[in-house]
Protein backbone atom coordinates (compact mmCIF):
# COMPACT_ATOMS: atom_id res chain seq x y z
CA UNK A 1 0.01 0.04 -0.03
CA UNK A 2 2.83 2.34 0.61
CA UNK A 3 4.00 1.92 -2.85
CA UNK A 4 0.58 2.74 -4.15
CA UNK A 5 0.16 5.79 -1.97
CA UNK A 6 3.61 7.08 -3.34
CA UNK A 7 2.81 6.70 -6.82
CA UNK A 8 -0.80 7.96 -6.43
CA UNK A 9 0.76 11.20 -4.92
CA UNK A 10 3.32 11.55 -7.44
CA UNK A 11 3.03 14.27 -10.25
CA UNK A 12 5.09 13.10 -13.24
CA UNK A 13 5.23 15.44 -16.35
CA UNK A 14 1.96 15.09 -18.38
CA UNK A 15 1.95 13.47 -21.74
CA UNK A 16 -0.32 13.77 -24.85
CA UNK A 17 -0.16 12.22 -28.25
CA UNK A 18 1.54 14.54 -30.82
CA UNK A 19 -0.99 16.00 -33.31
CA UNK A 20 -0.92 14.68 -36.86
CA UNK A 21 1.70 11.75 -35.89
CA UNK A 22 0.60 8.21 -35.95
CA UNK A 23 0.34 6.57 -32.58
CA UNK A 24 2.43 3.54 -31.68
CA UNK A 25 0.76 1.67 -28.65
CA UNK A 26 1.62 -1.29 -26.67
CA UNK A 27 -0.91 -3.50 -25.13
CA UNK A 28 -0.49 -6.18 -22.39
CA UNK A 29 -2.91 -8.97 -21.13
CA UNK A 30 -2.78 -11.93 -18.83
CA UNK A 31 -4.58 -15.31 -19.36
CA UNK A 32 -4.68 -17.54 -16.37
CA UNK A 33 -4.84 -21.27 -16.67
CA UNK A 34 -8.35 -22.59 -16.81
CA UNK A 35 -9.59 -23.13 -13.21
CA UNK A 36 -7.29 -20.53 -11.76
CA UNK A 37 -8.87 -17.45 -12.94
CA UNK A 38 -10.76 -15.17 -10.53
CA UNK A 39 -9.33 -14.31 -7.05
CA UNK A 40 -6.95 -17.51 -7.37
CA UNK A 41 -3.78 -18.03 -5.46
CA UNK A 42 -0.29 -17.16 -5.61
CA UNK A 43 1.47 -19.47 -7.90
CA UNK A 44 -1.43 -19.70 -10.31
CA UNK A 45 -0.21 -20.33 -13.87
CA UNK A 46 -0.50 -17.61 -16.40
CA UNK A 47 0.67 -16.52 -19.93
CA UNK A 48 1.43 -12.88 -20.32
CA UNK A 49 1.39 -11.27 -23.83
CA UNK A 50 2.64 -7.90 -24.80
CA UNK A 51 2.28 -6.48 -28.33
CA UNK A 52 3.21 -3.39 -30.29
CA UNK A 53 0.45 -1.92 -32.62
CA UNK A 54 0.42 0.99 -34.94
CA UNK A 55 -2.52 3.36 -35.31
CA UNK A 56 -3.75 1.25 -38.36
CA UNK A 57 -4.14 -1.80 -36.17
CA UNK A 58 -1.07 -3.47 -37.67
CA UNK A 59 0.72 -5.70 -35.31
CA UNK A 60 4.50 -4.91 -35.40
CA UNK A 61 5.70 -7.31 -32.62
CA UNK A 62 4.53 -9.46 -29.92
CA UNK A 63 5.82 -11.60 -27.12
CA UNK A 64 4.34 -14.27 -24.73
CA UNK A 65 5.94 -15.08 -21.44
CA UNK A 66 4.68 -17.90 -19.14
CA UNK A 67 4.45 -16.83 -15.50
CA UNK A 68 3.13 -17.36 -12.05
CA UNK A 69 0.85 -15.27 -10.20
CA UNK A 70 2.49 -13.38 -7.33
CA UNK A 71 -0.66 -13.54 -5.07
CA UNK A 72 -4.32 -14.01 -5.02
CA UNK A 73 -6.48 -11.18 -5.97
CA UNK A 74 -7.66 -8.66 -3.41
CA UNK A 75 -9.69 -5.59 -4.38
CA UNK A 76 -7.26 -2.89 -5.30
CA UNK A 77 -4.30 -4.96 -5.13
CA UNK A 78 -4.17 -6.48 -8.68
CA UNK A 79 -0.62 -5.31 -9.23
CA UNK A 80 0.53 -8.11 -6.57
CA UNK A 81 -1.08 -10.85 -8.55
CA UNK A 82 -0.35 -9.74 -12.14
CA UNK A 83 2.26 -6.81 -11.92
CA UNK A 84 5.71 -8.81 -12.23
CA UNK A 85 4.41 -11.06 -14.99
CA UNK A 86 3.29 -8.28 -17.21
CA UNK A 87 6.49 -6.36 -16.57
CA UNK A 88 8.39 -9.33 -17.78
CA UNK A 89 6.47 -9.51 -20.97
CA UNK A 90 6.86 -5.83 -21.66
CA UNK A 91 10.53 -5.88 -21.03
CA UNK A 92 10.88 -8.64 -23.56
CA UNK A 93 8.83 -6.77 -26.22
CA UNK A 94 10.79 -5.67 -29.30
CA UNK A 95 10.42 -2.05 -29.79
CA UNK A 96 9.25 0.86 -27.54
CA UNK A 97 5.75 2.48 -27.77
CA UNK A 98 4.64 5.88 -27.22
CA UNK A 99 1.83 4.80 -24.75
CA UNK A 100 0.82 1.61 -22.92
CA UNK A 101 -2.70 0.17 -22.74
CA UNK A 102 -3.49 -2.09 -19.78
CA UNK A 103 -6.59 -4.15 -18.82
CA UNK A 104 -6.71 -2.39 -15.38
CA UNK A 105 -7.54 0.86 -13.62
CA UNK A 106 -5.26 3.91 -13.28
CA UNK A 107 -6.51 6.77 -11.01
CA UNK A 108 -9.77 5.02 -10.38
CA UNK A 109 -8.43 3.24 -7.20
CA UNK A 110 -8.72 3.84 -3.49
CA UNK A 111 -5.17 5.09 -3.56
CA UNK A 112 -5.18 6.59 -7.09
CA UNK A 113 -2.81 3.90 -8.23
CA UNK A 114 -4.31 0.91 -10.12
CA UNK A 115 -2.16 -1.61 -12.10
CA UNK A 116 -2.23 0.53 -15.27
CA UNK A 117 -0.38 3.39 -13.46
CA UNK A 118 1.90 0.96 -11.70
CA UNK A 119 3.15 -0.38 -15.03
CA UNK A 120 3.45 3.06 -16.45
CA UNK A 121 5.46 3.97 -13.78
CA UNK A 122 7.67 0.87 -13.89
CA UNK A 123 8.40 0.99 -17.53
CA UNK A 124 8.55 4.85 -17.75
CA UNK A 125 5.72 4.89 -20.36
CA UNK A 126 2.55 7.03 -20.34
CA UNK A 127 -0.25 4.63 -19.71
CA UNK A 128 -4.05 4.29 -20.06
CA UNK A 129 -6.36 1.72 -18.29
CA UNK A 130 -9.24 0.15 -20.22
CA UNK A 131 -11.90 -1.94 -18.35
CA UNK A 132 -15.48 -2.87 -18.76
CA UNK A 133 -16.44 -1.11 -15.50
CA UNK A 134 -15.10 1.24 -12.97
CA UNK A 135 -13.58 0.22 -9.67
CA UNK A 136 -14.58 2.82 -7.07
CA UNK A 137 -15.57 5.74 -9.40
CA UNK A 138 -19.18 6.36 -10.11
CA UNK A 139 -21.24 7.96 -12.86
CA UNK A 140 -24.03 7.01 -15.50
CA UNK A 141 -22.97 5.60 -18.88
CA UNK A 142 -23.62 7.97 -21.93
CA UNK A 143 -26.95 8.17 -23.40
CA UNK A 144 -25.88 8.97 -26.81
CA UNK A 145 -25.47 5.53 -28.86
CA UNK A 146 -22.85 7.05 -31.21
CA UNK A 147 -19.13 6.13 -31.15
CA UNK A 148 -17.02 8.66 -29.21
CA UNK A 149 -19.98 9.45 -26.74
CA UNK A 150 -18.47 9.84 -23.22
CA UNK A 151 -19.59 10.43 -19.65
CA UNK A 152 -17.60 11.27 -16.65
CA UNK A 153 -16.80 8.91 -13.71
CA UNK A 154 -15.81 10.46 -10.48
CA UNK A 155 -14.11 9.29 -7.11
CA UNK A 156 -14.09 11.77 -4.03
CA UNK A 157 -15.35 14.73 -6.44
CA UNK A 158 -12.45 14.14 -8.87
CA UNK A 159 -12.93 12.80 -12.44
CA UNK A 160 -10.57 9.85 -12.56
CA UNK A 161 -12.03 7.91 -15.69
CA UNK A 162 -14.70 8.23 -18.25
CA UNK A 163 -17.06 6.02 -20.07
CA UNK A 164 -16.41 5.99 -23.93
CA UNK A 165 -18.47 4.35 -26.55
CA UNK A 166 -16.03 2.64 -28.97
CA UNK A 167 -18.73 0.90 -31.29
CA UNK A 168 -22.28 2.25 -32.03
CA UNK A 169 -24.93 1.12 -29.82
CA UNK A 170 -22.69 -1.08 -27.81
CA UNK A 171 -22.10 -0.97 -24.12
CA UNK A 172 -19.30 1.60 -23.44
CA UNK A 173 -15.82 0.89 -21.95
CA UNK A 174 -14.09 2.63 -19.14
CA UNK A 175 -10.94 4.85 -20.33
CA UNK A 176 -8.86 5.47 -17.15
CA UNK A 177 -6.30 8.13 -16.52
CA UNK A 178 -3.03 6.65 -15.38
CA UNK A 179 0.63 7.26 -15.53
CA UNK A 180 1.29 10.65 -17.18
CA UNK A 181 -2.10 10.67 -18.76
CA UNK A 182 -5.26 12.78 -18.27
CA UNK A 183 -8.87 11.39 -18.71
CA UNK A 184 -9.08 13.57 -21.89
CA UNK A 185 -5.83 11.84 -23.27
CA UNK A 186 -7.02 8.46 -22.04
CA UNK A 187 -10.13 8.78 -24.02
CA UNK A 188 -8.31 10.00 -27.22
CA UNK A 189 -5.92 6.97 -26.96
CA UNK A 190 -8.75 4.52 -26.54
CA UNK A 191 -10.71 5.92 -29.57
CA UNK A 192 -7.48 6.29 -31.75
CA UNK A 193 -6.32 2.70 -31.08
CA UNK A 194 -9.96 1.19 -31.55
CA UNK A 195 -10.70 -0.60 -34.90
CA UNK A 196 -13.86 -2.51 -35.92
CA UNK A 197 -13.93 -4.31 -32.62
CA UNK A 198 -15.07 -2.99 -29.30
CA UNK A 199 -11.71 -3.30 -27.55
CA UNK A 200 -8.70 -1.17 -28.69
CA UNK A 201 -6.52 -3.24 -30.96
CA UNK A 202 -3.38 -3.36 -28.63
CA UNK A 203 -5.42 -5.07 -25.88
CA UNK A 204 -7.29 -7.12 -28.33
CA UNK A 205 -4.37 -8.41 -29.99
CA UNK A 206 -2.45 -9.15 -26.54
CA UNK A 207 -5.48 -11.02 -25.37
CA UNK A 208 -5.72 -13.09 -28.37
CA UNK A 209 -1.84 -13.92 -28.18
CA UNK A 210 -2.08 -14.74 -24.53
CA UNK A 211 -5.11 -17.05 -25.06
CA UNK A 212 -3.60 -18.89 -27.95
CA UNK A 213 -0.38 -19.48 -25.84
CA UNK A 214 -2.66 -20.95 -23.06
CA UNK A 215 -4.42 -23.15 -25.49
CA UNK A 216 -1.17 -24.49 -26.89
CA UNK A 217 0.16 -24.95 -23.30
CA UNK A 218 3.26 -22.91 -24.27
CA UNK A 219 6.24 -23.24 -21.64
CA UNK A 220 8.83 -20.81 -22.77
CA UNK A 221 8.87 -17.25 -23.99
CA UNK A 222 8.04 -16.74 -27.66
CA UNK A 223 8.82 -13.53 -29.72
CA UNK A 224 7.24 -12.63 -32.84
CA UNK A 225 8.07 -9.77 -35.25
CA UNK A 226 5.79 -8.97 -38.04
CA UNK A 227 7.28 -6.01 -39.81
């Protein structure tokens, strides 16, 4: 908790995408062994994928690293369970992105330091969290069914995340401000990295890669370069 409080109270230099420049983004995802998902236990088996994707959705590189969970899950402590494994995958990735997308929260956290913020700080990358629902923040979903419709999510009177609709008429995702990113930037990154699917391409590609490795029972790191 002390680390979370320190990171949550930090004020790193803000980042935002350069106007007119294509965005190179990384995504990372953990696929746990079947039967070991959910709260789980320390030592649960997992496959952690990290990918590098350009703004047109093209996969530039990807890596999968088998790992073991550091702990069981406890609310607000996802970094203990997944953090080290995801960091191993990101450090093995060929190429450096401008921003990192994580299947986790950022400032929407009791101590303002969810896993997306942790990983951004650990990798020295601006980061954005993307989840299906908020953790502690509250706010109604947008009424507008159009792509790009948003609605704020607040925690203790501060906007820490935002609902954002990435497909017309489909349930919105939550874009989380995290390491060096504001809520506005989080929304921009999510929309710019989303293709025809509901999930941003870096996360979708990482999820597919991790699940494929799980299905194959991969027992060693594998790196792929596509361009």
